[in-house]
N, C-alpha and C. Protein backbone atom coordinates (compact mmCIF):
# COMPACT_ATOMS: atom_id res chain seq x y z
N MET A 1 24.77 54.09 0.42
CA MET A 1 24.44 52.67 0.32
C MET A 1 23.12 52.51 -0.41
N ALA A 2 23.01 51.40 -1.12
CA ALA A 2 21.78 51.20 -1.90
C ALA A 2 21.53 49.72 -2.12
N ASN A 3 20.26 49.38 -2.19
CA ASN A 3 19.84 48.01 -2.49
C ASN A 3 18.75 48.09 -3.55
N PRO A 4 19.14 48.37 -4.81
CA PRO A 4 18.14 48.51 -5.87
C PRO A 4 17.49 47.18 -6.20
N PRO A 5 16.29 47.20 -6.78
CA PRO A 5 15.63 45.94 -7.15
C PRO A 5 16.43 45.20 -8.21
N PHE A 6 16.61 43.89 -7.99
CA PHE A 6 17.42 43.08 -8.90
C PHE A 6 16.76 42.94 -10.27
N ASN A 7 17.56 43.15 -11.31
CA ASN A 7 17.14 42.86 -12.70
C ASN A 7 15.80 43.53 -13.06
N TYR A 8 15.60 44.74 -12.57
CA TYR A 8 14.31 45.42 -12.72
C TYR A 8 14.02 45.80 -14.17
N HIS A 9 12.78 45.60 -14.56
CA HIS A 9 12.30 46.08 -15.86
C HIS A 9 10.76 46.07 -15.83
N PRO A 10 10.13 46.93 -16.63
CA PRO A 10 10.74 47.99 -17.45
C PRO A 10 11.15 49.18 -16.59
N TRP A 11 12.16 49.91 -17.03
CA TRP A 11 12.69 51.00 -16.21
C TRP A 11 12.63 52.36 -16.92
N GLY A 12 11.94 52.43 -18.04
CA GLY A 12 11.81 53.70 -18.76
C GLY A 12 12.83 53.87 -19.86
N TYR A 13 13.27 52.76 -20.42
CA TYR A 13 14.29 52.78 -21.47
C TYR A 13 13.93 53.73 -22.60
N ASP A 14 12.71 53.65 -23.08
CA ASP A 14 12.30 54.45 -24.25
C ASP A 14 12.41 55.95 -23.98
N LYS A 15 12.13 56.37 -22.76
CA LYS A 15 12.13 57.79 -22.43
C LYS A 15 13.51 58.31 -22.01
N LEU A 16 14.43 57.39 -21.68
CA LEU A 16 15.71 57.81 -21.08
C LEU A 16 16.92 57.44 -21.92
N LYS A 17 16.72 57.12 -23.19
CA LYS A 17 17.83 56.68 -24.03
C LYS A 17 18.97 57.68 -24.09
N ASP A 18 18.65 58.97 -24.08
CA ASP A 18 19.67 60.01 -24.23
C ASP A 18 20.03 60.67 -22.91
N ASP A 19 19.75 59.98 -21.80
CA ASP A 19 20.01 60.55 -20.48
C ASP A 19 21.51 60.74 -20.24
N VAL A 20 21.88 61.86 -19.61
CA VAL A 20 23.28 62.19 -19.37
C VAL A 20 23.96 61.21 -18.42
N ARG A 21 23.18 60.45 -17.68
CA ARG A 21 23.76 59.52 -16.70
C ARG A 21 24.45 58.33 -17.34
N TRP A 22 24.15 58.03 -18.60
CA TRP A 22 24.70 56.82 -19.21
C TRP A 22 26.08 57.09 -19.80
N LYS A 23 26.97 57.57 -18.98
CA LYS A 23 28.32 57.92 -19.41
C LYS A 23 29.10 56.70 -19.89
N TYR A 24 28.81 55.55 -19.33
CA TYR A 24 29.59 54.35 -19.63
C TYR A 24 28.85 53.39 -20.56
N GLY A 25 27.69 53.81 -21.04
CA GLY A 25 26.96 53.00 -22.00
C GLY A 25 25.48 52.93 -21.67
N LEU A 26 24.66 52.80 -22.70
CA LEU A 26 23.21 52.72 -22.53
C LEU A 26 22.84 51.36 -21.94
N PRO A 27 22.18 51.33 -20.77
CA PRO A 27 21.78 50.05 -20.18
C PRO A 27 20.76 49.34 -21.06
N PRO A 28 20.72 48.02 -21.02
CA PRO A 28 19.76 47.29 -21.85
C PRO A 28 18.33 47.54 -21.41
N GLU A 29 17.43 47.37 -22.33
CA GLU A 29 16.02 47.67 -22.07
C GLU A 29 15.40 46.77 -21.01
N ASN A 30 15.85 45.52 -20.94
CA ASN A 30 15.18 44.55 -20.07
C ASN A 30 15.86 44.33 -18.73
N ASN A 31 16.82 45.20 -18.37
CA ASN A 31 17.51 45.02 -17.09
C ASN A 31 18.10 46.35 -16.63
N ALA A 32 17.74 46.78 -15.43
CA ALA A 32 18.14 48.09 -14.94
C ALA A 32 19.39 48.07 -14.05
N ASN A 33 20.04 46.91 -13.93
CA ASN A 33 21.20 46.85 -13.02
C ASN A 33 22.24 47.92 -13.32
N PHE A 34 22.61 48.06 -14.58
CA PHE A 34 23.64 49.03 -14.93
C PHE A 34 23.08 50.45 -15.07
N ALA A 35 21.78 50.57 -15.11
CA ALA A 35 21.17 51.90 -15.00
C ALA A 35 21.31 52.40 -13.56
N TRP A 36 21.03 51.52 -12.60
CA TRP A 36 21.18 51.91 -11.19
C TRP A 36 22.63 52.28 -10.88
N ILE A 37 23.56 51.46 -11.33
CA ILE A 37 24.97 51.73 -11.06
C ILE A 37 25.38 53.10 -11.59
N GLN A 38 25.03 53.38 -12.84
CA GLN A 38 25.44 54.65 -13.44
C GLN A 38 24.69 55.83 -12.84
N HIS A 39 23.44 55.62 -12.46
CA HIS A 39 22.68 56.67 -11.78
C HIS A 39 23.40 57.09 -10.50
N MET A 40 23.87 56.11 -9.73
CA MET A 40 24.54 56.40 -8.47
C MET A 40 25.90 57.04 -8.67
N ILE A 41 26.65 56.54 -9.66
CA ILE A 41 27.95 57.15 -9.95
C ILE A 41 27.79 58.60 -10.37
N HIS A 42 26.76 58.87 -11.16
CA HIS A 42 26.52 60.23 -11.65
C HIS A 42 26.33 61.22 -10.49
N HIS A 43 25.75 60.75 -9.39
CA HIS A 43 25.44 61.64 -8.28
C HIS A 43 26.50 61.63 -7.18
N LEU A 44 27.61 60.90 -7.40
CA LEU A 44 28.67 60.91 -6.40
C LEU A 44 29.49 62.20 -6.46
N ALA A 45 29.96 62.64 -5.30
CA ALA A 45 30.88 63.77 -5.22
C ALA A 45 32.23 63.34 -5.79
N PRO A 46 33.14 64.28 -6.04
CA PRO A 46 34.44 63.93 -6.62
C PRO A 46 35.20 62.88 -5.84
N ASN A 47 35.02 62.84 -4.52
CA ASN A 47 35.66 61.81 -3.70
C ASN A 47 34.63 60.85 -3.11
N GLY A 48 33.46 60.77 -3.76
CA GLY A 48 32.36 59.98 -3.22
C GLY A 48 32.57 58.48 -3.34
N LYS A 49 31.88 57.75 -2.46
CA LYS A 49 31.90 56.29 -2.45
C LYS A 49 30.49 55.76 -2.30
N ILE A 50 30.26 54.57 -2.79
CA ILE A 50 28.95 53.95 -2.61
C ILE A 50 29.13 52.44 -2.49
N GLY A 51 28.29 51.85 -1.66
CA GLY A 51 28.21 50.40 -1.56
C GLY A 51 26.81 49.98 -1.95
N LEU A 52 26.68 49.00 -2.83
CA LEU A 52 25.36 48.58 -3.26
C LEU A 52 25.30 47.07 -3.42
N VAL A 53 24.08 46.55 -3.34
CA VAL A 53 23.83 45.12 -3.50
C VAL A 53 23.24 44.88 -4.88
N LEU A 54 23.81 43.91 -5.59
CA LEU A 54 23.31 43.61 -6.93
C LEU A 54 23.19 42.10 -7.13
N ALA A 55 22.34 41.72 -8.06
CA ALA A 55 22.24 40.31 -8.44
C ALA A 55 23.55 39.86 -9.06
N ASN A 56 23.89 38.59 -8.90
CA ASN A 56 25.17 38.08 -9.38
C ASN A 56 25.35 38.21 -10.89
N GLY A 57 24.25 38.27 -11.63
CA GLY A 57 24.35 38.36 -13.07
C GLY A 57 25.13 39.56 -13.56
N ALA A 58 25.11 40.65 -12.77
CA ALA A 58 25.81 41.86 -13.18
C ALA A 58 27.32 41.67 -13.22
N LEU A 59 27.83 40.64 -12.56
CA LEU A 59 29.26 40.39 -12.53
C LEU A 59 29.81 39.89 -13.87
N SER A 60 28.97 39.20 -14.63
CA SER A 60 29.50 38.51 -15.80
C SER A 60 28.65 38.63 -17.06
N SER A 61 27.47 39.23 -16.96
CA SER A 61 26.58 39.29 -18.12
C SER A 61 27.22 40.06 -19.28
N GLN A 62 27.06 39.50 -20.48
CA GLN A 62 27.52 40.18 -21.69
C GLN A 62 26.33 40.63 -22.55
N THR A 63 25.12 40.49 -22.02
CA THR A 63 23.90 40.73 -22.79
C THR A 63 23.71 42.21 -23.09
N ASP A 64 23.40 42.52 -24.34
CA ASP A 64 22.99 43.88 -24.75
C ASP A 64 23.93 44.96 -24.24
N GLY A 65 25.21 44.72 -24.32
CA GLY A 65 26.18 45.76 -23.98
C GLY A 65 26.56 45.85 -22.51
N GLU A 66 26.02 44.98 -21.66
CA GLU A 66 26.36 45.06 -20.24
C GLU A 66 27.85 44.81 -20.00
N GLY A 67 28.43 43.87 -20.76
CA GLY A 67 29.86 43.60 -20.61
C GLY A 67 30.71 44.80 -20.95
N LYS A 68 30.30 45.56 -21.96
CA LYS A 68 31.05 46.76 -22.36
C LYS A 68 30.93 47.86 -21.30
N ILE A 69 29.76 48.00 -20.69
CA ILE A 69 29.60 48.98 -19.61
C ILE A 69 30.50 48.60 -18.44
N ARG A 70 30.50 47.32 -18.07
CA ARG A 70 31.32 46.85 -16.96
C ARG A 70 32.80 47.11 -17.26
N GLN A 71 33.21 46.86 -18.50
CA GLN A 71 34.60 47.12 -18.90
C GLN A 71 34.96 48.59 -18.69
N ARG A 72 34.08 49.48 -19.10
CA ARG A 72 34.37 50.91 -18.97
C ARG A 72 34.43 51.36 -17.52
N LEU A 73 33.61 50.74 -16.67
CA LEU A 73 33.66 51.05 -15.23
C LEU A 73 35.00 50.65 -14.64
N VAL A 74 35.49 49.47 -15.06
CA VAL A 74 36.79 49.00 -14.57
C VAL A 74 37.90 49.90 -15.10
N GLU A 75 37.86 50.22 -16.38
CA GLU A 75 38.90 51.06 -16.98
C GLU A 75 38.90 52.46 -16.40
N ALA A 76 37.74 52.92 -15.92
CA ALA A 76 37.66 54.24 -15.28
C ALA A 76 38.13 54.18 -13.82
N ASP A 77 38.55 53.00 -13.38
CA ASP A 77 39.08 52.78 -12.03
C ASP A 77 38.06 53.14 -10.94
N LEU A 78 36.82 52.70 -11.17
CA LEU A 78 35.74 52.99 -10.22
C LEU A 78 35.42 51.83 -9.28
N ILE A 79 35.75 50.61 -9.69
CA ILE A 79 35.38 49.43 -8.90
C ILE A 79 36.46 49.18 -7.84
N GLU A 80 36.15 49.47 -6.59
CA GLU A 80 37.13 49.29 -5.52
C GLU A 80 37.10 47.87 -4.96
N GLY A 81 35.90 47.32 -4.80
CA GLY A 81 35.82 45.98 -4.23
C GLY A 81 34.54 45.27 -4.61
N ILE A 82 34.63 43.94 -4.68
CA ILE A 82 33.49 43.08 -4.98
C ILE A 82 33.47 41.96 -3.93
N ILE A 83 32.33 41.78 -3.27
CA ILE A 83 32.21 40.74 -2.25
C ILE A 83 31.06 39.82 -2.61
N ALA A 84 31.36 38.54 -2.81
CA ALA A 84 30.33 37.54 -3.09
C ALA A 84 29.70 37.08 -1.78
N LEU A 85 28.39 37.16 -1.70
CA LEU A 85 27.66 36.77 -0.49
C LEU A 85 27.09 35.36 -0.65
N PRO A 86 26.85 34.69 0.48
CA PRO A 86 26.18 33.37 0.39
C PRO A 86 24.70 33.54 0.11
N SER A 87 24.03 32.46 -0.21
CA SER A 87 22.59 32.50 -0.39
C SER A 87 21.90 32.59 0.96
N GLN A 88 20.62 32.93 0.94
CA GLN A 88 19.74 32.94 2.11
C GLN A 88 20.08 34.02 3.15
N VAL A 89 20.73 35.11 2.71
CA VAL A 89 21.01 36.20 3.64
C VAL A 89 19.89 37.26 3.61
N PHE A 90 18.98 37.15 2.64
CA PHE A 90 17.85 38.06 2.57
C PHE A 90 16.58 37.33 3.01
N TYR A 91 15.68 38.05 3.63
CA TYR A 91 14.44 37.43 4.08
C TYR A 91 13.45 37.24 2.94
N SER A 92 13.58 38.04 1.90
CA SER A 92 12.59 38.01 0.82
C SER A 92 12.98 37.07 -0.32
N VAL A 93 14.28 36.88 -0.55
CA VAL A 93 14.74 36.00 -1.63
C VAL A 93 15.86 35.12 -1.11
N THR A 94 16.03 33.94 -1.71
CA THR A 94 17.07 33.02 -1.26
C THR A 94 18.31 33.06 -2.15
N ILE A 95 18.24 33.75 -3.29
CA ILE A 95 19.37 33.73 -4.22
C ILE A 95 20.57 34.49 -3.63
N PRO A 96 21.79 34.07 -4.00
CA PRO A 96 22.97 34.81 -3.55
C PRO A 96 23.07 36.14 -4.27
N ALA A 97 23.79 37.06 -3.68
CA ALA A 97 23.96 38.38 -4.28
C ALA A 97 25.40 38.84 -4.06
N THR A 98 25.69 40.04 -4.53
CA THR A 98 27.05 40.56 -4.46
C THR A 98 27.04 42.00 -3.96
N LEU A 99 28.04 42.33 -3.15
CA LEU A 99 28.25 43.71 -2.74
C LEU A 99 29.27 44.36 -3.67
N TRP A 100 28.91 45.50 -4.22
CA TRP A 100 29.81 46.30 -5.04
C TRP A 100 30.21 47.54 -4.26
N PHE A 101 31.51 47.85 -4.25
CA PHE A 101 32.00 49.09 -3.64
C PHE A 101 32.66 49.91 -4.73
N ILE A 102 32.08 51.08 -4.96
CA ILE A 102 32.50 51.96 -6.04
C ILE A 102 33.04 53.26 -5.44
N SER A 103 34.17 53.72 -5.94
CA SER A 103 34.79 54.92 -5.40
C SER A 103 35.30 55.81 -6.52
N LYS A 104 35.06 57.10 -6.38
CA LYS A 104 35.55 58.07 -7.36
C LYS A 104 37.05 58.37 -7.17
N ASN A 105 37.59 58.03 -6.00
CA ASN A 105 38.99 58.35 -5.71
C ASN A 105 39.58 57.23 -4.87
N LYS A 106 39.88 56.11 -5.50
CA LYS A 106 40.36 54.93 -4.80
C LYS A 106 41.74 55.17 -4.17
N GLN A 107 41.93 54.59 -2.98
CA GLN A 107 43.24 54.68 -2.35
C GLN A 107 44.26 53.82 -3.09
N GLN A 108 43.84 52.68 -3.58
CA GLN A 108 44.73 51.80 -4.35
C GLN A 108 44.35 51.93 -5.83
N LYS A 109 45.09 52.73 -6.54
CA LYS A 109 44.75 53.01 -7.93
C LYS A 109 44.96 51.77 -8.80
N ASN A 110 44.02 51.60 -9.74
CA ASN A 110 44.10 50.51 -10.72
C ASN A 110 44.19 49.14 -10.08
N LYS A 111 43.57 49.01 -8.89
CA LYS A 111 43.49 47.72 -8.22
C LYS A 111 42.08 47.52 -7.68
N THR A 112 41.65 46.27 -7.65
CA THR A 112 40.32 45.93 -7.14
C THR A 112 40.44 44.75 -6.19
N LEU A 113 39.72 44.82 -5.08
CA LEU A 113 39.70 43.74 -4.10
C LEU A 113 38.53 42.80 -4.39
N PHE A 114 38.81 41.51 -4.41
CA PHE A 114 37.78 40.49 -4.55
C PHE A 114 37.74 39.65 -3.28
N ILE A 115 36.54 39.51 -2.71
CA ILE A 115 36.35 38.68 -1.52
C ILE A 115 35.25 37.67 -1.80
N ASP A 116 35.53 36.41 -1.53
CA ASP A 116 34.53 35.36 -1.65
C ASP A 116 34.08 34.98 -0.24
N ALA A 117 32.92 35.52 0.17
CA ALA A 117 32.40 35.31 1.52
C ALA A 117 31.28 34.27 1.53
N ARG A 118 31.20 33.46 0.50
CA ARG A 118 30.09 32.51 0.40
C ARG A 118 30.12 31.42 1.46
N ASN A 119 31.29 31.19 2.05
CA ASN A 119 31.40 30.16 3.08
C ASN A 119 31.29 30.72 4.50
N LEU A 120 31.11 32.03 4.60
CA LEU A 120 30.97 32.64 5.92
C LEU A 120 29.51 32.62 6.36
N GLY A 121 29.28 32.95 7.62
CA GLY A 121 27.92 33.03 8.14
C GLY A 121 27.47 31.74 8.77
N TYR A 122 26.29 31.81 9.37
CA TYR A 122 25.70 30.64 10.03
C TYR A 122 24.19 30.68 9.80
N MET A 123 23.56 29.52 9.86
CA MET A 123 22.12 29.44 9.64
C MET A 123 21.38 29.81 10.92
N MET A 124 20.63 30.90 10.87
CA MET A 124 19.80 31.32 12.00
C MET A 124 18.64 30.34 12.21
N ASP A 125 18.10 29.89 11.10
CA ASP A 125 17.06 28.87 11.10
C ASP A 125 17.17 28.14 9.77
N ARG A 126 16.18 27.36 9.43
CA ARG A 126 16.26 26.53 8.23
C ARG A 126 16.36 27.35 6.94
N LYS A 127 15.91 28.60 6.96
CA LYS A 127 15.82 29.39 5.74
C LYS A 127 16.73 30.61 5.70
N HIS A 128 17.25 31.03 6.82
CA HIS A 128 17.94 32.32 6.86
C HIS A 128 19.37 32.20 7.41
N ARG A 129 20.29 32.84 6.71
CA ARG A 129 21.69 32.87 7.11
C ARG A 129 22.04 34.28 7.58
N ASP A 130 22.96 34.37 8.54
CA ASP A 130 23.42 35.67 9.03
C ASP A 130 24.92 35.60 9.25
N PHE A 131 25.56 36.77 9.30
CA PHE A 131 26.98 36.85 9.58
C PHE A 131 27.19 37.09 11.07
N SER A 132 28.18 36.44 11.64
CA SER A 132 28.55 36.70 13.02
C SER A 132 29.39 37.98 13.06
N ASP A 133 29.60 38.50 14.27
CA ASP A 133 30.47 39.69 14.42
C ASP A 133 31.87 39.38 13.91
N ASP A 134 32.35 38.16 14.13
CA ASP A 134 33.68 37.78 13.65
C ASP A 134 33.74 37.76 12.13
N ASP A 135 32.65 37.30 11.49
CA ASP A 135 32.60 37.30 10.03
C ASP A 135 32.69 38.72 9.48
N ILE A 136 31.90 39.61 10.08
CA ILE A 136 31.88 41.01 9.62
C ILE A 136 33.24 41.66 9.83
N LYS A 137 33.87 41.37 10.97
CA LYS A 137 35.20 41.93 11.26
C LYS A 137 36.23 41.39 10.26
N LYS A 138 36.13 40.13 9.93
CA LYS A 138 37.07 39.55 8.97
C LYS A 138 36.98 40.25 7.63
N ILE A 139 35.76 40.49 7.18
CA ILE A 139 35.58 41.17 5.89
C ILE A 139 36.04 42.62 5.96
N SER A 140 35.63 43.34 7.00
CA SER A 140 36.00 44.76 7.11
C SER A 140 37.50 44.94 7.30
N ASP A 141 38.13 44.07 8.09
CA ASP A 141 39.59 44.16 8.27
C ASP A 141 40.31 43.89 6.96
N THR A 142 39.78 42.97 6.18
CA THR A 142 40.37 42.67 4.87
C THR A 142 40.30 43.89 3.96
N PHE A 143 39.15 44.56 3.98
CA PHE A 143 38.97 45.74 3.12
C PHE A 143 39.90 46.87 3.56
N VAL A 144 40.02 47.08 4.86
CA VAL A 144 40.90 48.14 5.37
C VAL A 144 42.35 47.85 5.02
N ALA A 145 42.76 46.58 5.17
CA ALA A 145 44.13 46.21 4.83
C ALA A 145 44.40 46.45 3.34
N PHE A 146 43.41 46.16 2.50
CA PHE A 146 43.55 46.45 1.07
C PHE A 146 43.74 47.93 0.83
N GLN A 147 42.91 48.75 1.44
CA GLN A 147 43.00 50.19 1.25
C GLN A 147 44.34 50.74 1.74
N ASN A 148 44.89 50.11 2.77
CA ASN A 148 46.18 50.55 3.32
C ASN A 148 47.37 49.97 2.57
N GLY A 149 47.09 49.06 1.63
CA GLY A 149 48.17 48.48 0.85
C GLY A 149 48.94 47.39 1.57
N THR A 150 48.35 46.79 2.62
CA THR A 150 49.06 45.78 3.41
C THR A 150 48.45 44.39 3.28
N LEU A 151 47.46 44.23 2.44
CA LEU A 151 46.76 42.95 2.34
C LEU A 151 47.54 41.94 1.53
N GLU A 152 47.60 40.71 2.04
CA GLU A 152 48.14 39.59 1.30
C GLU A 152 46.99 38.68 0.86
N ASP A 153 47.06 38.18 -0.35
CA ASP A 153 46.00 37.30 -0.86
C ASP A 153 45.86 36.07 0.02
N VAL A 154 44.61 35.63 0.20
CA VAL A 154 44.32 34.40 0.93
C VAL A 154 43.57 33.49 -0.03
N LYS A 155 44.19 32.38 -0.38
CA LYS A 155 43.60 31.47 -1.34
C LYS A 155 42.19 31.07 -0.93
N GLY A 156 41.23 31.23 -1.81
CA GLY A 156 39.86 30.85 -1.53
C GLY A 156 39.05 31.92 -0.83
N PHE A 157 39.68 33.03 -0.42
CA PHE A 157 38.94 34.07 0.30
C PHE A 157 39.11 35.45 -0.33
N CYS A 158 40.33 35.91 -0.53
CA CYS A 158 40.49 37.28 -1.05
C CYS A 158 41.69 37.37 -1.98
N ALA A 159 41.60 38.33 -2.91
CA ALA A 159 42.68 38.57 -3.86
C ALA A 159 42.61 40.01 -4.33
N VAL A 160 43.76 40.62 -4.53
CA VAL A 160 43.85 41.96 -5.09
C VAL A 160 44.32 41.82 -6.54
N GLU A 161 43.54 42.40 -7.46
CA GLU A 161 43.84 42.25 -8.88
C GLU A 161 43.97 43.62 -9.54
N SER A 162 44.88 43.71 -10.49
CA SER A 162 45.07 44.95 -11.24
C SER A 162 44.05 45.05 -12.36
N THR A 163 43.94 46.23 -12.93
CA THR A 163 43.05 46.42 -14.08
C THR A 163 43.46 45.50 -15.22
N GLU A 164 44.76 45.30 -15.38
CA GLU A 164 45.25 44.40 -16.44
C GLU A 164 44.83 42.95 -16.17
N ASP A 165 44.87 42.54 -14.89
CA ASP A 165 44.44 41.19 -14.54
C ASP A 165 42.96 40.98 -14.89
N ILE A 166 42.15 41.99 -14.58
CA ILE A 166 40.72 41.90 -14.85
C ILE A 166 40.46 41.90 -16.35
N ALA A 167 41.24 42.66 -17.09
CA ALA A 167 41.10 42.68 -18.56
C ALA A 167 41.36 41.29 -19.13
N ARG A 168 42.34 40.58 -18.57
CA ARG A 168 42.64 39.24 -19.06
C ARG A 168 41.50 38.26 -18.78
N GLN A 169 40.62 38.62 -17.85
CA GLN A 169 39.45 37.79 -17.55
C GLN A 169 38.19 38.35 -18.24
N ASP A 170 38.39 39.14 -19.31
CA ASP A 170 37.29 39.71 -20.08
C ASP A 170 36.38 40.59 -19.22
N TYR A 171 36.95 41.22 -18.20
CA TYR A 171 36.25 42.16 -17.33
C TYR A 171 35.09 41.51 -16.56
N ILE A 172 35.17 40.21 -16.40
CA ILE A 172 34.22 39.51 -15.53
C ILE A 172 34.66 39.70 -14.08
N LEU A 173 33.73 39.99 -13.19
CA LEU A 173 34.07 40.38 -11.82
C LEU A 173 33.67 39.34 -10.77
N THR A 174 33.46 38.11 -11.18
CA THR A 174 33.09 37.06 -10.24
C THR A 174 34.27 36.76 -9.31
N PRO A 175 34.14 36.98 -7.99
CA PRO A 175 35.28 36.80 -7.08
C PRO A 175 35.93 35.43 -7.15
N GLY A 176 35.12 34.36 -7.29
CA GLY A 176 35.69 33.02 -7.34
C GLY A 176 36.71 32.83 -8.45
N ARG A 177 36.59 33.61 -9.51
CA ARG A 177 37.52 33.52 -10.64
C ARG A 177 38.91 34.01 -10.25
N TYR A 178 38.98 34.87 -9.23
CA TYR A 178 40.25 35.48 -8.84
C TYR A 178 40.84 34.87 -7.55
N VAL A 179 40.00 34.54 -6.61
CA VAL A 179 40.52 34.06 -5.32
C VAL A 179 40.90 32.59 -5.36
N GLY A 180 40.35 31.83 -6.30
CA GLY A 180 40.67 30.43 -6.41
C GLY A 180 39.97 29.59 -5.36
N ILE A 181 40.48 28.38 -5.16
CA ILE A 181 39.90 27.43 -4.22
C ILE A 181 40.78 27.34 -2.99
N GLU A 182 40.15 27.34 -1.84
CA GLU A 182 40.89 27.28 -0.58
C GLU A 182 41.74 26.02 -0.52
N GLU A 183 42.98 26.22 -0.10
CA GLU A 183 43.88 25.09 0.04
C GLU A 183 43.54 24.30 1.29
N LYS A 184 43.39 23.00 1.13
CA LYS A 184 43.07 22.14 2.27
C LYS A 184 44.36 21.65 2.92
N GLN A 185 44.29 21.49 4.24
CA GLN A 185 45.43 20.95 4.94
C GLN A 185 45.67 19.50 4.52
N GLU A 186 46.94 19.16 4.35
CA GLU A 186 47.27 17.80 3.95
C GLU A 186 46.87 16.81 5.03
N ASP A 187 46.35 15.70 4.60
CA ASP A 187 45.93 14.65 5.51
C ASP A 187 47.13 13.72 5.74
N ASP A 188 47.72 13.80 6.94
CA ASP A 188 48.90 13.00 7.22
C ASP A 188 48.59 11.72 8.00
N GLU A 189 47.30 11.38 8.13
CA GLU A 189 46.94 10.15 8.82
C GLU A 189 47.25 8.96 7.93
N PRO A 190 48.02 7.97 8.44
CA PRO A 190 48.34 6.79 7.63
C PRO A 190 47.08 6.10 7.13
N PHE A 191 47.16 5.55 5.91
CA PHE A 191 45.98 4.96 5.28
C PHE A 191 45.38 3.83 6.11
N ASP A 192 46.23 2.92 6.62
CA ASP A 192 45.72 1.78 7.40
C ASP A 192 45.01 2.25 8.67
N ASP A 193 45.60 3.28 9.32
CA ASP A 193 44.97 3.81 10.54
C ASP A 193 43.62 4.45 10.22
N LYS A 194 43.58 5.17 9.09
CA LYS A 194 42.34 5.83 8.71
C LYS A 194 41.24 4.81 8.41
N MET A 195 41.60 3.75 7.67
CA MET A 195 40.61 2.73 7.33
C MET A 195 40.10 2.01 8.58
N GLN A 196 40.99 1.77 9.52
CA GLN A 196 40.57 1.12 10.76
C GLN A 196 39.61 2.01 11.54
N ARG A 197 39.93 3.31 11.58
CA ARG A 197 39.05 4.25 12.29
C ARG A 197 37.70 4.35 11.61
N LEU A 198 37.70 4.49 10.28
CA LEU A 198 36.44 4.66 9.55
C LEU A 198 35.56 3.42 9.61
N THR A 199 36.19 2.23 9.49
CA THR A 199 35.39 1.01 9.56
C THR A 199 34.81 0.80 10.95
N SER A 200 35.56 1.22 11.98
CA SER A 200 35.04 1.13 13.34
C SER A 200 33.84 2.06 13.53
N GLU A 201 33.96 3.29 12.98
CA GLU A 201 32.85 4.23 13.06
C GLU A 201 31.64 3.72 12.29
N LEU A 202 31.89 3.11 11.15
CA LEU A 202 30.79 2.58 10.34
C LEU A 202 30.10 1.42 11.04
N ALA A 203 30.88 0.57 11.71
CA ALA A 203 30.29 -0.55 12.45
C ALA A 203 29.37 -0.02 13.55
N GLY A 204 29.80 1.05 14.20
CA GLY A 204 28.97 1.65 15.25
C GLY A 204 27.67 2.20 14.69
N MET A 205 27.73 2.80 13.50
CA MET A 205 26.52 3.32 12.86
C MET A 205 25.57 2.19 12.48
N PHE A 206 26.14 1.09 11.97
CA PHE A 206 25.29 -0.05 11.61
C PHE A 206 24.57 -0.60 12.85
N GLU A 207 25.32 -0.68 13.96
CA GLU A 207 24.73 -1.20 15.19
C GLU A 207 23.57 -0.32 15.65
N LYS A 208 23.76 1.00 15.58
CA LYS A 208 22.70 1.92 15.98
C LYS A 208 21.50 1.81 15.04
N SER A 209 21.76 1.60 13.75
CA SER A 209 20.66 1.49 12.80
C SER A 209 19.84 0.23 13.08
N HIS A 210 20.50 -0.86 13.47
CA HIS A 210 19.79 -2.10 13.79
C HIS A 210 18.92 -1.91 15.04
N GLU A 211 19.47 -1.20 16.03
CA GLU A 211 18.71 -0.93 17.24
C GLU A 211 17.46 -0.10 16.92
N LEU A 212 17.64 0.90 16.05
CA LEU A 212 16.51 1.75 15.67
C LEU A 212 15.47 0.95 14.90
N GLU A 213 15.92 0.06 14.00
CA GLU A 213 15.00 -0.78 13.24
C GLU A 213 14.17 -1.68 14.18
N TYR A 214 14.83 -2.26 15.19
CA TYR A 214 14.13 -3.13 16.15
C TYR A 214 13.05 -2.36 16.90
N LYS A 215 13.38 -1.13 17.33
CA LYS A 215 12.42 -0.32 18.08
C LYS A 215 11.22 0.05 17.20
N ILE A 216 11.48 0.39 15.94
CA ILE A 216 10.38 0.76 15.04
C ILE A 216 9.46 -0.44 14.80
N ARG A 217 10.05 -1.62 14.56
CA ARG A 217 9.23 -2.81 14.35
C ARG A 217 8.39 -3.12 15.59
N LYS A 218 9.00 -2.98 16.76
CA LYS A 218 8.29 -3.27 18.01
C LYS A 218 7.13 -2.31 18.21
N ASN A 219 7.35 -1.03 17.92
CA ASN A 219 6.30 -0.03 18.08
C ASN A 219 5.16 -0.27 17.10
N LEU A 220 5.49 -0.67 15.87
CA LEU A 220 4.46 -0.97 14.88
C LEU A 220 3.64 -2.19 15.29
N GLN A 221 4.31 -3.21 15.82
CA GLN A 221 3.60 -4.41 16.28
C GLN A 221 2.62 -4.07 17.40
N ALA A 222 3.01 -3.11 18.24
CA ALA A 222 2.17 -2.74 19.38
C ALA A 222 0.84 -2.12 18.93
N ILE A 223 0.83 -1.55 17.73
CA ILE A 223 -0.42 -0.93 17.24
C ILE A 223 -1.04 -1.77 16.12
N GLY A 224 -0.56 -3.02 15.99
CA GLY A 224 -1.21 -3.96 15.07
C GLY A 224 -0.67 -3.97 13.66
N TYR A 225 0.55 -3.52 13.46
CA TYR A 225 1.13 -3.53 12.10
C TYR A 225 2.42 -4.33 12.11
N GLU A 226 2.62 -5.09 11.04
CA GLU A 226 3.81 -5.91 10.92
C GLU A 226 4.60 -5.47 9.67
N LEU A 227 5.91 -5.53 9.79
CA LEU A 227 6.80 -5.27 8.64
C LEU A 227 7.36 -6.61 8.14
């Protein structure tokens, strides 16, 4: 497992241009994301696996050859799974990130699992989000089902895509592009009933707002201020 610094630079580009680790392409000078990925792949055992956290830009960037490196990683059948995380799950940064799962010997050949977990989790406080045990189990069970070949796609949450499917998307790995939008349950409440309910709720809100306005005016008058 690894959590390399996002979009790190400078990373020693000038001294490492001919490094043996860049099997899938020379990483750009101003961003080390694909240097970290290839460094880790280089050190994996023949059946090795790694999970790492990366900035979302690595999913779709075409800058300075990054798109070509990503293409070669997919064609080499190394990308087992991609999980999009919600924002505010890190204490140091609020930006969303992505989990990459890379395997030298995938159980499902020429297939990649995409999970969009951006709607999971709960706010621990105003700034920090965390996953519940149920959230973690949902993600892990989904991954295990994929590895076992029993997973069915869930619109808006997960999808299994072939290498050919990914090629048709220009090797962009953004999960939302594959899982689509969650299907909403049809609203079978009759229109007239709904309008009656909503207008009744709105009337109640107006009444409460008037009560609150009266109390505020009264409190201000008590300390010598008029509205």
